[in-house]
């Protein structure tokens, strides 16, 4: 079946002028001509046009499209799959926007007048989440759903922590330590106790100053919470360590604390992928784990044994740590095999 240029334009939604231009620049040259000189397009021409339109949809210039199509082995199936993925993303984004508009509509129907600035801030924050998390991740991320309603628990807690920090209360004081324990418990719940969610959340926070301003958690405030939380852990370890060992712990405990979430996220990914403790992947994770552990525990095996004893006897040491017995058991076995 051959199509005239006008027929192809009608069926493709393009203009005749556009098809003439594609012909003139050599991007889509019709395979045949009628006796009267009319352009005639066959099945291969139409397939090429689909490739062109797909690549246009990806933002490529006509020159780049021509160069791409000049390469061998450019299967149409790959382009169609990319189109489907792009459309799926657009559909997901539209669905999320629709959900937000429905929330606003319900608020208005209830006779409430939402503050426009607050609503826009919420939209901005949720859009940030969209850039860093997949839809499947957002569905199981309680913090994202709290963002839609501006959680009063977090607002109050952030204000309490900031007041202590601004007043110069040291992290070792009982008050910030207590608030830090609440903070980590809430954060573990709101990330579904998944270290992968925490690692992504930390990455988003580090790279989005607008998020820091929106939720009121600056890097300085977050570090204050991390130090206060670490003070509670160190108070437990102190009962098991010599003065020299504890002095080393205090000097080094928080220096690499922000590396733990990503490491635990990588361990969780390995477990979910079916890795075994004797696999090369587990060995690499065990080496990273031991490197972080030694950064605050030192290199003495006798000291390491004291840390293990504390972890075995003191359940509070694993609270707010995004670990569970599956993760810890995997790493214990991986490190045993490493040794």
C-alpha atoms as a PDB file:
ATOM      1  CA  UNK A   1       0.000   0.000   0.000  1.00  0.00           C
ATOM      2  CA  UNK A   2       1.325   3.414  -0.996  1.00  0.00           C
ATOM      3  CA  UNK A   3       0.195   6.701   0.529  1.00  0.00           C
ATOM      4  CA  UNK A   4       0.272  10.089  -1.145  1.00  0.00           C
ATOM      5  CA  UNK A   5       1.803  12.937   0.827  1.00  0.00           C
ATOM      6  CA  UNK A   6      -1.616  14.384   1.672  1.00  0.00           C
ATOM      7  CA  UNK A   7      -2.879  11.034   2.906  1.00  0.00           C
ATOM      8  CA  UNK A   8       0.176  10.484   5.065  1.00  0.00           C
ATOM      9  CA  UNK A   9      -0.102  13.989   6.472  1.00  0.00           C
ATOM     10  CA  UNK A  10      -3.721  13.395   7.442  1.00  0.00           C
ATOM     11  CA  UNK A  11      -3.045  10.022   9.048  1.00  0.00           C
ATOM     12  CA  UNK A  12       0.094  11.153  10.905  1.00  0.00           C
ATOM     13  CA  UNK A  13      -1.189  14.514  12.085  1.00  0.00           C
ATOM     14  CA  UNK A  14       1.659  16.335  10.345  1.00  0.00           C
ATOM     15  CA  UNK A  15       1.368  19.012   7.692  1.00  0.00           C
ATOM     16  CA  UNK A  16       2.210  18.494   4.056  1.00  0.00           C
ATOM     17  CA  UNK A  17       4.759  21.287   4.411  1.00  0.00           C
ATOM     18  CA  UNK A  18       6.520  19.334   7.203  1.00  0.00           C
ATOM     19  CA  UNK A  19       6.711  16.182   5.061  1.00  0.00           C
ATOM     20  CA  UNK A  20       8.038  18.220   2.141  1.00  0.00           C
ATOM     21  CA  UNK A  21      10.694  19.658   4.472  1.00  0.00           C
ATOM     22  CA  UNK A  22      11.690  16.185   5.677  1.00  0.00           C
ATOM     23  CA  UNK A  23      12.086  15.191   2.031  1.00  0.00           C
ATOM     24  CA  UNK A  24      14.117  18.288   1.191  1.00  0.00           C
ATOM     25  CA  UNK A  25      16.650  17.675   3.980  1.00  0.00           C
ATOM     26  CA  UNK A  26      16.884  13.958   3.240  1.00  0.00           C
ATOM     27  CA  UNK A  27      15.303  12.894   6.516  1.00  0.00           C
ATOM     28  CA  UNK A  28      12.303  11.131   4.967  1.00  0.00           C
ATOM     29  CA  UNK A  29      12.572  10.637   1.215  1.00  0.00           C
ATOM     30  CA  UNK A  30       9.547   8.832  -0.304  1.00  0.00           C
ATOM     31  CA  UNK A  31      10.406   5.522  -1.873  1.00  0.00           C
ATOM     32  CA  UNK A  32       8.364   6.068  -4.993  1.00  0.00           C
ATOM     33  CA  UNK A  33       6.860   8.698  -7.239  1.00  0.00           C
ATOM     34  CA  UNK A  34       3.649   8.507  -9.204  1.00  0.00           C
ATOM     35  CA  UNK A  35       3.648   9.204 -12.926  1.00  0.00           C
ATOM     36  CA  UNK A  36       2.449  12.712 -12.184  1.00  0.00           C
ATOM     37  CA  UNK A  37       5.331  13.266  -9.775  1.00  0.00           C
ATOM     38  CA  UNK A  38       3.387  12.858  -6.518  1.00  0.00           C
ATOM     39  CA  UNK A  39       5.345  11.512  -3.574  1.00  0.00           C
ATOM     40  CA  UNK A  40       4.370   7.982  -2.558  1.00  0.00           C
ATOM     41  CA  UNK A  41       5.245   6.495   0.844  1.00  0.00           C
ATOM     42  CA  UNK A  42       5.418   2.764   1.540  1.00  0.00           C
ATOM     43  CA  UNK A  43       5.466   0.752   4.774  1.00  0.00           C
ATOM     44  CA  UNK A  44       9.207   1.290   5.335  1.00  0.00           C
ATOM     45  CA  UNK A  45       8.787   5.042   4.907  1.00  0.00           C
ATOM     46  CA  UNK A  46       6.010   5.092   7.500  1.00  0.00           C
ATOM     47  CA  UNK A  47       8.134   3.078   9.933  1.00  0.00           C
ATOM     48  CA  UNK A  48      10.949   5.611   9.455  1.00  0.00           C
ATOM     49  CA  UNK A  49       8.495   8.445  10.084  1.00  0.00           C
ATOM     50  CA  UNK A  50       7.529   6.768  13.347  1.00  0.00           C
ATOM     51  CA  UNK A  51      11.175   6.703  14.359  1.00  0.00           C
ATOM     52  CA  UNK A  52      11.522  10.383  13.468  1.00  0.00           C
ATOM     53  CA  UNK A  53       8.485  11.389  15.515  1.00  0.00           C
ATOM     54  CA  UNK A  54       9.579   9.242  18.443  1.00  0.00           C
ATOM     55  CA  UNK A  55      13.004  10.887  18.477  1.00  0.00           C
ATOM     56  CA  UNK A  56      11.395  14.323  18.156  1.00  0.00           C
ATOM     57  CA  UNK A  57       9.406  13.445  21.248  1.00  0.00           C
ATOM     58  CA  UNK A  58      12.665  12.807  23.078  1.00  0.00           C
ATOM     59  CA  UNK A  59      13.799  16.364  22.252  1.00  0.00           C
ATOM     60  CA  UNK A  60      16.332  15.575  19.497  1.00  0.00           C
ATOM     61  CA  UNK A  61      16.925  18.087  16.713  1.00  0.00           C
ATOM     62  CA  UNK A  62      16.291  17.085  13.097  1.00  0.00           C
ATOM     63  CA  UNK A  63      20.038  17.041  12.472  1.00  0.00           C
ATOM     64  CA  UNK A  64      20.588  14.704  15.429  1.00  0.00           C
ATOM     65  CA  UNK A  65      17.728  12.498  14.273  1.00  0.00           C
ATOM     66  CA  UNK A  66      19.265  12.232  10.820  1.00  0.00           C
ATOM     67  CA  UNK A  67      22.608  11.234  12.325  1.00  0.00           C
ATOM     68  CA  UNK A  68      20.937   8.681  14.598  1.00  0.00           C
ATOM     69  CA  UNK A  69      18.938   7.086  11.793  1.00  0.00           C
ATOM     70  CA  UNK A  70      22.053   6.904   9.612  1.00  0.00           C
ATOM     71  CA  UNK A  71      23.506   4.409  12.076  1.00  0.00           C
ATOM     72  CA  UNK A  72      22.939   0.706  11.473  1.00  0.00           C
ATOM     73  CA  UNK A  73      20.803  -1.411  13.781  1.00  0.00           C
ATOM     74  CA  UNK A  74      18.221   1.120  14.975  1.00  0.00           C
ATOM     75  CA  UNK A  75      15.306  -1.244  15.715  1.00  0.00           C
ATOM     76  CA  UNK A  76      11.869   0.308  15.896  1.00  0.00           C
ATOM     77  CA  UNK A  77      11.010  -1.877  18.902  1.00  0.00           C
ATOM     78  CA  UNK A  78      13.542  -0.037  21.087  1.00  0.00           C
ATOM     79  CA  UNK A  79      12.128   3.338  20.137  1.00  0.00           C
ATOM     80  CA  UNK A  80       8.566   2.196  20.774  1.00  0.00           C
ATOM     81  CA  UNK A  81       9.597   0.869  24.187  1.00  0.00           C
ATOM     82  CA  UNK A  82      11.191   4.229  25.011  1.00  0.00           C
ATOM     83  CA  UNK A  83       8.031   6.001  23.888  1.00  0.00           C
ATOM     84  CA  UNK A  84       5.946   3.783  26.144  1.00  0.00           C
ATOM     85  CA  UNK A  85       8.228   4.472  29.099  1.00  0.00           C
ATOM     86  CA  UNK A  86       8.067   8.216  28.450  1.00  0.00           C
ATOM     87  CA  UNK A  87       4.278   8.113  28.223  1.00  0.00           C
ATOM     88  CA  UNK A  88       4.079   6.034  31.402  1.00  0.00           C
ATOM     89  CA  UNK A  89       6.076   8.723  33.168  1.00  0.00           C
ATOM     90  CA  UNK A  90       3.780  11.433  31.859  1.00  0.00           C
ATOM     91  CA  UNK A  91       0.721   9.446  32.938  1.00  0.00           C
ATOM     92  CA  UNK A  92       2.167   8.960  36.440  1.00  0.00           C
ATOM     93  CA  UNK A  93       2.977  12.655  36.711  1.00  0.00           C
ATOM     94  CA  UNK A  94      -0.536  13.596  35.580  1.00  0.00           C
ATOM     95  CA  UNK A  95      -2.044  11.174  38.082  1.00  0.00           C
ATOM     96  CA  UNK A  96      -0.016  12.665  40.919  1.00  0.00           C
ATOM     97  CA  UNK A  97      -1.034  16.178  39.937  1.00  0.00           C
ATOM     98  CA  UNK A  98      -4.652  15.060  39.770  1.00  0.00           C
ATOM     99  CA  UNK A  99      -4.371  13.679  43.304  1.00  0.00           C
ATOM    100  CA  UNK A 100      -3.000  16.973  44.576  1.00  0.00           C
ATOM    101  CA  UNK A 101      -5.765  18.923  42.866  1.00  0.00           C
ATOM    102  CA  UNK A 102      -8.324  16.582  44.416  1.00  0.00           C
ATOM    103  CA  UNK A 103      -6.879  17.347  47.863  1.00  0.00           C
ATOM    104  CA  UNK A 104      -7.200  21.056  47.188  1.00  0.00           C
ATOM    105  CA  UNK A 105     -10.734  20.585  45.864  1.00  0.00           C
ATOM    106  CA  UNK A 106     -11.778  18.682  48.988  1.00  0.00           C
ATOM    107  CA  UNK A 107     -10.354  21.420  51.182  1.00  0.00           C
ATOM    108  CA  UNK A 108     -12.296  24.043  49.271  1.00  0.00           C
ATOM    109  CA  UNK A 109     -15.498  21.959  49.324  1.00  0.00           C
ATOM    110  CA  UNK A 110     -15.180  21.681  53.118  1.00  0.00           C
ATOM    111  CA  UNK A 111     -15.427  25.447  53.255  1.00  0.00           C
ATOM    112  CA  UNK A 112     -11.793  25.921  54.144  1.00  0.00           C
ATOM    113  CA  UNK A 113      -9.551  28.423  52.462  1.00  0.00           C
ATOM    114  CA  UNK A 114      -6.036  26.989  52.162  1.00  0.00           C
ATOM    115  CA  UNK A 115      -3.199  29.464  52.243  1.00  0.00           C
ATOM    116  CA  UNK A 116      -2.013  29.641  48.650  1.00  0.00           C
ATOM    117  CA  UNK A 117       1.638  29.980  49.689  1.00  0.00           C
ATOM    118  CA  UNK A 118       1.389  26.880  51.879  1.00  0.00           C
ATOM    119  CA  UNK A 119      -0.231  24.897  49.100  1.00  0.00           C
ATOM    120  CA  UNK A 120       2.383  25.988  46.590  1.00  0.00           C
ATOM    121  CA  UNK A 121       5.151  25.047  49.029  1.00  0.00           C
ATOM    122  CA  UNK A 122       3.569  21.618  49.415  1.00  0.00           C
ATOM    123  CA  UNK A 123       3.401  21.192  45.648  1.00  0.00           C
ATOM    124  CA  UNK A 124       7.052  22.216  45.333  1.00  0.00           C
ATOM    125  CA  UNK A 125       8.141  19.754  48.012  1.00  0.00           C
ATOM    126  CA  UNK A 126       6.140  16.910  46.495  1.00  0.00           C
ATOM    127  CA  UNK A 127       7.627  17.661  43.081  1.00  0.00           C
ATOM    128  CA  UNK A 128      11.086  17.290  44.630  1.00  0.00           C
ATOM    129  CA  UNK A 129      10.117  13.842  45.908  1.00  0.00           C
ATOM    130  CA  UNK A 130       8.973  12.943  42.394  1.00  0.00           C
ATOM    131  CA  UNK A 131      12.436  13.694  41.038  1.00  0.00           C
ATOM    132  CA  UNK A 132      14.251  11.388  43.454  1.00  0.00           C
ATOM    133  CA  UNK A 133      11.802   8.525  44.074  1.00  0.00           C
ATOM    134  CA  UNK A 134       9.938   6.210  41.733  1.00  0.00           C
ATOM    135  CA  UNK A 135       6.160   5.965  42.006  1.00  0.00           C
ATOM    136  CA  UNK A 136       6.485   2.506  43.577  1.00  0.00           C
ATOM    137  CA  UNK A 137       8.820   3.964  46.214  1.00  0.00           C
ATOM    138  CA  UNK A 138       6.498   6.893  46.879  1.00  0.00           C
ATOM    139  CA  UNK A 139       3.597   4.506  47.402  1.00  0.00           C
ATOM    140  CA  UNK A 140       5.459   2.891  50.317  1.00  0.00           C
ATOM    141  CA  UNK A 141       7.031   6.068  51.698  1.00  0.00           C
ATOM    142  CA  UNK A 142       4.870   7.369  54.576  1.00  0.00           C
ATOM    143  CA  UNK A 143       6.832  10.630  54.695  1.00  0.00           C
ATOM    144  CA  UNK A 144       5.640  11.512  51.184  1.00  0.00           C
ATOM    145  CA  UNK A 145       2.020  11.142  52.186  1.00  0.00           C
ATOM    146  CA  UNK A 146       2.628  13.201  55.321  1.00  0.00           C
ATOM    147  CA  UNK A 147       4.077  15.893  53.089  1.00  0.00           C
ATOM    148  CA  UNK A 148       0.684  16.226  51.456  1.00  0.00           C
ATOM    149  CA  UNK A 149      -0.900  17.202  54.778  1.00  0.00           C
ATOM    150  CA  UNK A 150       1.993  19.052  56.472  1.00  0.00           C
ATOM    151  CA  UNK A 151       2.563  16.727  59.454  1.00  0.00           C
ATOM    152  CA  UNK A 152       2.134  18.693  62.713  1.00  0.00           C
ATOM    153  CA  UNK A 153       4.282  16.126  64.573  1.00  0.00           C
ATOM    154  CA  UNK A 154       7.318  16.976  62.461  1.00  0.00           C
ATOM    155  CA  UNK A 155       6.621  20.706  62.570  1.00  0.00           C
ATOM    156  CA  UNK A 156       6.527  20.651  66.361  1.00  0.00           C
ATOM    157  CA  UNK A 157       9.585  18.426  66.718  1.00  0.00           C
ATOM    158  CA  UNK A 158      11.703  20.506  64.340  1.00  0.00           C
ATOM    159  CA  UNK A 159      10.748  23.653  66.262  1.00  0.00           C
ATOM    160  CA  UNK A 160      11.702  22.075  69.599  1.00  0.00           C
ATOM    161  CA  UNK A 161      15.084  20.909  68.320  1.00  0.00           C
ATOM    162  CA  UNK A 162      15.831  24.270  66.725  1.00  0.00           C
ATOM    163  CA  UNK A 163      15.004  26.077  69.963  1.00  0.00           C
ATOM    164  CA  UNK A 164      17.528  23.953  71.884  1.00  0.00           C
ATOM    165  CA  UNK A 165      20.189  24.351  69.215  1.00  0.00           C
ATOM    166  CA  UNK A 166      19.691  28.127  69.000  1.00  0.00           C
ATOM    167  CA  UNK A 167      19.903  28.327  72.799  1.00  0.00           C
ATOM    168  CA  UNK A 168      23.329  26.663  72.680  1.00  0.00           C
ATOM    169  CA  UNK A 169      22.270  23.485  74.484  1.00  0.00           C
ATOM    170  CA  UNK A 170      25.028  20.892  73.804  1.00  0.00           C
ATOM    171  CA  UNK A 171      24.043  17.679  72.009  1.00  0.00           C
ATOM    172  CA  UNK A 172      25.118  15.637  75.057  1.00  0.00           C
ATOM    173  CA  UNK A 173      22.363  17.238  77.152  1.00  0.00           C
ATOM    174  CA  UNK A 174      19.437  14.958  77.991  1.00  0.00           C
ATOM    175  CA  UNK A 175      16.910  17.229  76.249  1.00  0.00           C
ATOM    176  CA  UNK A 176      18.313  17.104  72.699  1.00  0.00           C
ATOM    177  CA  UNK A 177      19.136  13.426  73.189  1.00  0.00           C
ATOM    178  CA  UNK A 178      15.505  12.683  74.003  1.00  0.00           C
ATOM    179  CA  UNK A 179      14.284  14.693  71.017  1.00  0.00           C
ATOM    180  CA  UNK A 180      16.841  12.987  68.763  1.00  0.00           C
ATOM    181  CA  UNK A 181      15.523   9.582  69.834  1.00  0.00           C
ATOM    182  CA  UNK A 182      11.995  10.693  68.877  1.00  0.00           C
ATOM    183  CA  UNK A 183      13.324  12.132  65.625  1.00  0.00           C
ATOM    184  CA  UNK A 184      14.998   8.902  64.566  1.00  0.00           C
ATOM    185  CA  UNK A 185      12.005   6.791  65.569  1.00  0.00           C
ATOM    186  CA  UNK A 186       9.689   8.982  63.485  1.00  0.00           C
ATOM    187  CA  UNK A 187      12.125   9.035  60.591  1.00  0.00           C
ATOM    188  CA  UNK A 188      12.450   5.242  60.641  1.00  0.00           C
ATOM    189  CA  UNK A 189       8.658   4.943  60.557  1.00  0.00           C
ATOM    190  CA  UNK A 190       8.274   7.558  57.829  1.00  0.00           C
ATOM    191  CA  UNK A 191      10.854   5.853  55.603  1.00  0.00           C
ATOM    192  CA  UNK A 192       9.205   2.469  56.154  1.00  0.00           C
ATOM    193  CA  UNK A 193      12.349   1.420  58.061  1.00  0.00           C
ATOM    194  CA  UNK A 194      14.033   1.024  54.669  1.00  0.00           C
ATOM    195  CA  UNK A 195      17.632   2.332  54.545  1.00  0.00           C
ATOM    196  CA  UNK A 196      17.287   2.811  50.782  1.00  0.00           C
ATOM    197  CA  UNK A 197      14.553   5.364  51.392  1.00  0.00           C
ATOM    198  CA  UNK A 198      16.689   7.081  54.018  1.00  0.00           C
ATOM    199  CA  UNK A 199      19.703   7.239  51.696  1.00  0.00           C
ATOM    200  CA  UNK A 200      17.608   8.805  48.933  1.00  0.00           C
ATOM    201  CA  UNK A 201      16.017  11.205  51.375  1.00  0.00           C
ATOM    202  CA  UNK A 202      19.455  12.302  52.606  1.00  0.00           C
ATOM    203  CA  UNK A 203      20.636  12.761  49.013  1.00  0.00           C
ATOM    204  CA  UNK A 204      17.566  14.831  48.170  1.00  0.00           C
ATOM    205  CA  UNK A 205      18.035  16.956  51.281  1.00  0.00           C
ATOM    206  CA  UNK A 206      21.708  17.590  50.485  1.00  0.00           C
ATOM    207  CA  UNK A 207      20.952  18.643  46.907  1.00  0.00           C
ATOM    208  CA  UNK A 208      17.767  20.665  47.372  1.00  0.00           C
ATOM    209  CA  UNK A 209      18.217  23.903  49.363  1.00  0.00           C
ATOM    210  CA  UNK A 210      14.549  24.645  48.670  1.00  0.00           C
ATOM    211  CA  UNK A 211      13.614  21.487  50.557  1.00  0.00           C
ATOM    212  CA  UNK A 212      15.746  22.506  53.518  1.00  0.00           C
ATOM    213  CA  UNK A 213      13.970  25.858  53.602  1.00  0.00           C
ATOM    214  CA  UNK A 214      10.528  24.342  53.122  1.00  0.00           C
ATOM    215  CA  UNK A 215      10.729  21.827  55.963  1.00  0.00           C
ATOM    216  CA  UNK A 216      12.970  23.946  58.172  1.00  0.00           C
ATOM    217  CA  UNK A 217      15.712  21.327  58.496  1.00  0.00           C
ATOM    218  CA  UNK A 218      19.053  22.874  57.623  1.00  0.00           C
ATOM    219  CA  UNK A 219      22.224  20.756  57.379  1.00  0.00           C
ATOM    220  CA  UNK A 220      23.349  22.310  60.687  1.00  0.00           C
ATOM    221  CA  UNK A 221      20.108  21.276  62.397  1.00  0.00           C
ATOM    222  CA  UNK A 222      20.336  17.760  60.995  1.00  0.00           C
ATOM    223  CA  UNK A 223      23.934  17.429  62.184  1.00  0.00           C
ATOM    224  CA  UNK A 224      22.854  18.575  65.648  1.00  0.00           C
ATOM    225  CA  UNK A 225      20.271  15.786  65.751  1.00  0.00           C
ATOM    226  CA  UNK A 226      22.802  13.212  64.524  1.00  0.00           C
ATOM    227  CA  UNK A 227      25.291  14.259  67.203  1.00  0.00           C
ATOM    228  CA  UNK A 228      22.640  14.128  69.950  1.00  0.00           C
ATOM    229  CA  UNK A 229      21.528  10.700  68.774  1.00  0.00           C
ATOM    230  CA  UNK A 230      25.130   9.546  68.774  1.00  0.00           C
ATOM    231  CA  UNK A 231      25.558  10.757  72.360  1.00  0.00           C
ATOM    232  CA  UNK A 232      22.832   8.332  73.464  1.00  0.00           C
ATOM    233  CA  UNK A 233      24.609   5.449  71.750  1.00  0.00           C
ATOM    234  CA  UNK A 234      27.985   6.399  73.175  1.00  0.00           C
ATOM    235  CA  UNK A 235      26.558   6.540  76.685  1.00  0.00           C
ATOM    236  CA  UNK A 236      25.692   2.850  76.323  1.00  0.00           C
ATOM    237  CA  UNK A 237      29.046   1.881  74.819  1.00  0.00           C
ATOM    238  CA  UNK A 238      30.870   3.695  77.618  1.00  0.00           C
ATOM    239  CA  UNK A 239      29.767   0.975  80.060  1.00  0.00           C
ATOM    240  CA  UNK A 240      31.674  -1.621  78.041  1.00  0.00           C
ATOM    241  CA  UNK A 241      34.856   0.234  77.049  1.00  0.00           C
ATOM    242  CA  UNK A 242      38.020   1.307  78.799  1.00  0.00           C
ATOM    243  CA  UNK A 243      38.657   5.069  79.151  1.00  0.00           C
ATOM    244  CA  UNK A 244      41.141   4.943  76.276  1.00  0.00           C
ATOM    245  CA  UNK A 245      38.749   3.026  74.024  1.00  0.00           C
ATOM    246  CA  UNK A 246      35.897   5.366  74.848  1.00  0.00           C
ATOM    247  CA  UNK A 247      38.069   8.412  74.193  1.00  0.00           C
ATOM    248  CA  UNK A 248      38.791   7.078  70.694  1.00  0.00           C
ATOM    249  CA  UNK A 249      35.087   6.372  70.173  1.00  0.00           C
ATOM    250  CA  UNK A 250      34.056   9.884  71.223  1.00  0.00           C
ATOM    251  CA  UNK A 251      36.634  11.486  68.941  1.00  0.00           C
ATOM    252  CA  UNK A 252      35.545   9.528  65.876  1.00  0.00           C
ATOM    253  CA  UNK A 253      31.978   8.237  66.269  1.00  0.00           C
ATOM    254  CA  UNK A 254      30.172  10.872  64.228  1.00  0.00           C
ATOM    255  CA  UNK A 255      32.762  11.611  61.560  1.00  0.00           C
ATOM    256  CA  UNK A 256      31.405   9.164  58.988  1.00  0.00           C
ATOM    257  CA  UNK A 257      27.910   8.661  60.333  1.00  0.00           C
ATOM    258  CA  UNK A 258      26.259   9.816  57.091  1.00  0.00           C
ATOM    259  CA  UNK A 259      27.935   6.975  55.164  1.00  0.00           C
ATOM    260  CA  UNK A 260      25.943   4.280  56.978  1.00  0.00           C
ATOM    261  CA  UNK A 261      22.547   4.777  55.283  1.00  0.00           C
ATOM    262  CA  UNK A 262      23.924   4.220  51.778  1.00  0.00           C
ATOM    263  CA  UNK A 263      25.901   1.175  52.896  1.00  0.00           C
ATOM    264  CA  UNK A 264      22.833  -0.365  54.530  1.00  0.00           C
ATOM    265  CA  UNK A 265      20.819   0.475  51.420  1.00  0.00           C
ATOM    266  CA  UNK A 266      23.366  -1.406  49.312  1.00  0.00           C
ATOM    267  CA  UNK A 267      23.179  -4.396  51.695  1.00  0.00           C
ATOM    268  CA  UNK A 268      19.382  -4.427  51.442  1.00  0.00           C
ATOM    269  CA  UNK A 269      19.606  -4.334  47.643  1.00  0.00           C
ATOM    270  CA  UNK A 270      22.055  -7.249  47.703  1.00  0.00           C
ATOM    271  CA  UNK A 271      19.772  -9.312  49.928  1.00  0.00           C
ATOM    272  CA  UNK A 272      16.739  -8.591  47.744  1.00  0.00           C
ATOM    273  CA  UNK A 273      18.751  -9.527  44.651  1.00  0.00           C
ATOM    274  CA  UNK A 274      19.487 -12.950  46.161  1.00  0.00           C
ATOM    275  CA  UNK A 275      23.154 -12.424  46.993  1.00  0.00           C
ATOM    276  CA  UNK A 276      24.627 -14.887  49.476  1.00  0.00           C
ATOM    277  CA  UNK A 277      27.051 -14.034  52.311  1.00  0.00           C
ATOM    278  CA  UNK A 278      29.859 -15.845  50.482  1.00  0.00           C
ATOM    279  CA  UNK A 279      29.385 -13.919  47.224  1.00  0.00           C
ATOM    280  CA  UNK A 280      31.895 -11.349  45.908  1.00  0.00           C
ATOM    281  CA  UNK A 281      29.229  -8.668  46.396  1.00  0.00           C
ATOM    282  CA  UNK A 282      28.856  -9.604  50.070  1.00  0.00           C
ATOM    283  CA  UNK A 283      32.636  -9.570  50.499  1.00  0.00           C
ATOM    284  CA  UNK A 284      32.811  -6.017  49.123  1.00  0.00           C
ATOM    285  CA  UNK A 285      30.004  -4.944  51.467  1.00  0.00           C
ATOM    286  CA  UNK A 286      31.736  -6.579  54.439  1.00  0.00           C
ATOM    287  CA  UNK A 287      34.950  -4.700  53.667  1.00  0.00           C
ATOM    288  CA  UNK A 288      33.052  -1.412  53.556  1.00  0.00           C
ATOM    289  CA  UNK A 289      31.221  -2.280  56.774  1.00  0.00           C
ATOM    290  CA  UNK A 290      34.450  -3.106  58.615  1.00  0.00           C
ATOM    291  CA  UNK A 291      36.083   0.063  57.328  1.00  0.00           C
ATOM    292  CA  UNK A 292      33.298   2.188  58.799  1.00  0.00           C
ATOM    293  CA  UNK A 293      33.251   0.193  62.035  1.00  0.00           C
ATOM    294  CA  UNK A 294      37.013   0.527  62.536  1.00  0.00           C
ATOM    295  CA  UNK A 295      36.800   4.268  61.941  1.00  0.00           C
ATOM    296  CA  UNK A 296      35.361   4.621  65.465  1.00  0.00           C
ATOM    297  CA  UNK A 297      36.198   1.252  67.096  1.00  0.00           C
ATOM    298  CA  UNK A 298      39.876   1.107  66.165  1.00  0.00           C
ATOM    299  CA  UNK A 299      41.761  -1.990  65.051  1.00  0.00           C
ATOM    300  CA  UNK A 300      42.072  -4.020  68.257  1.00  0.00           C
ATOM    301  CA  UNK A 301      40.079  -7.311  68.033  1.00  0.00           C
ATOM    302  CA  UNK A 302      39.603  -7.233  71.822  1.00  0.00           C
ATOM    303  CA  UNK A 303      37.856  -3.864  71.525  1.00  0.00           C
ATOM    304  CA  UNK A 304      35.746  -5.188  68.665  1.00  0.00           C
ATOM    305  CA  UNK A 305      34.573  -7.987  70.948  1.00  0.00           C
ATOM    306  CA  UNK A 306      33.407  -5.418  73.492  1.00  0.00           C
ATOM    307  CA  UNK A 307      31.345  -3.650  70.836  1.00  0.00           C
ATOM    308  CA  UNK A 308      29.776  -6.959  69.802  1.00  0.00           C
ATOM    309  CA  UNK A 309      28.943  -7.722  73.431  1.00  0.00           C
ATOM    310  CA  UNK A 310      27.275  -4.328  73.814  1.00  0.00           C
ATOM    311  CA  UNK A 311      25.243  -4.827  70.651  1.00  0.00           C
ATOM    312  CA  UNK A 312      24.131  -8.255  71.844  1.00  0.00           C
ATOM    313  CA  UNK A 313      23.102  -7.048  75.293  1.00  0.00           C
ATOM    314  CA  UNK A 314      21.708  -3.573  74.587  1.00  0.00           C
ATOM    315  CA  UNK A 315      18.669  -3.484  72.261  1.00  0.00           C
ATOM    316  CA  UNK A 316      18.595   0.324  72.325  1.00  0.00           C
ATOM    317  CA  UNK A 317      21.804   0.363  70.277  1.00  0.00           C
ATOM    318  CA  UNK A 318      19.920  -0.829  67.195  1.00  0.00           C
ATOM    319  CA  UNK A 319      16.878   1.416  67.679  1.00  0.00           C
ATOM    320  CA  UNK A 320      16.569   3.995  64.930  1.00  0.00           C
ATOM    321  CA  UNK A 321      19.325   2.321  62.944  1.00  0.00           C
ATOM    322  CA  UNK A 322      17.307   0.987  59.959  1.00  0.00           C
ATOM    323  CA  UNK A 323      18.621  -2.506  60.604  1.00  0.00           C
ATOM    324  CA  UNK A 324      16.802  -5.736  61.313  1.00  0.00           C
ATOM    325  CA  UNK A 325      17.870  -9.286  62.031  1.00  0.00           C
ATOM    326  CA  UNK A 326      17.868 -10.198  58.333  1.00  0.00           C
ATOM    327  CA  UNK A 327      20.308  -7.414  57.461  1.00  0.00           C
ATOM    328  CA  UNK A 328      22.500  -7.910  60.521  1.00  0.00           C
ATOM    329  CA  UNK A 329      22.546 -11.697  60.121  1.00  0.00           C
ATOM    330  CA  UNK A 330      23.622 -11.338  56.487  1.00  0.00           C
ATOM    331  CA  UNK A 331      26.462  -8.997  57.439  1.00  0.00           C
ATOM    332  CA  UNK A 332      27.593 -11.097  60.407  1.00  0.00           C
ATOM    333  CA  UNK A 333      27.930 -14.114  58.145  1.00  0.00           C
ATOM    334  CA  UNK A 334      29.628 -12.084  55.392  1.00  0.00           C
ATOM    335  CA  UNK A 335      32.171 -10.710  57.875  1.00  0.00           C
ATOM    336  CA  UNK A 336      32.732 -14.164  59.377  1.00  0.00           C
ATOM    337  CA  UNK A 337      33.610 -15.461  55.932  1.00  0.00           C
ATOM    338  CA  UNK A 338      35.783 -12.406  55.323  1.00  0.00           C
ATOM    339  CA  UNK A 339      37.742 -13.132  58.493  1.00  0.00           C
END
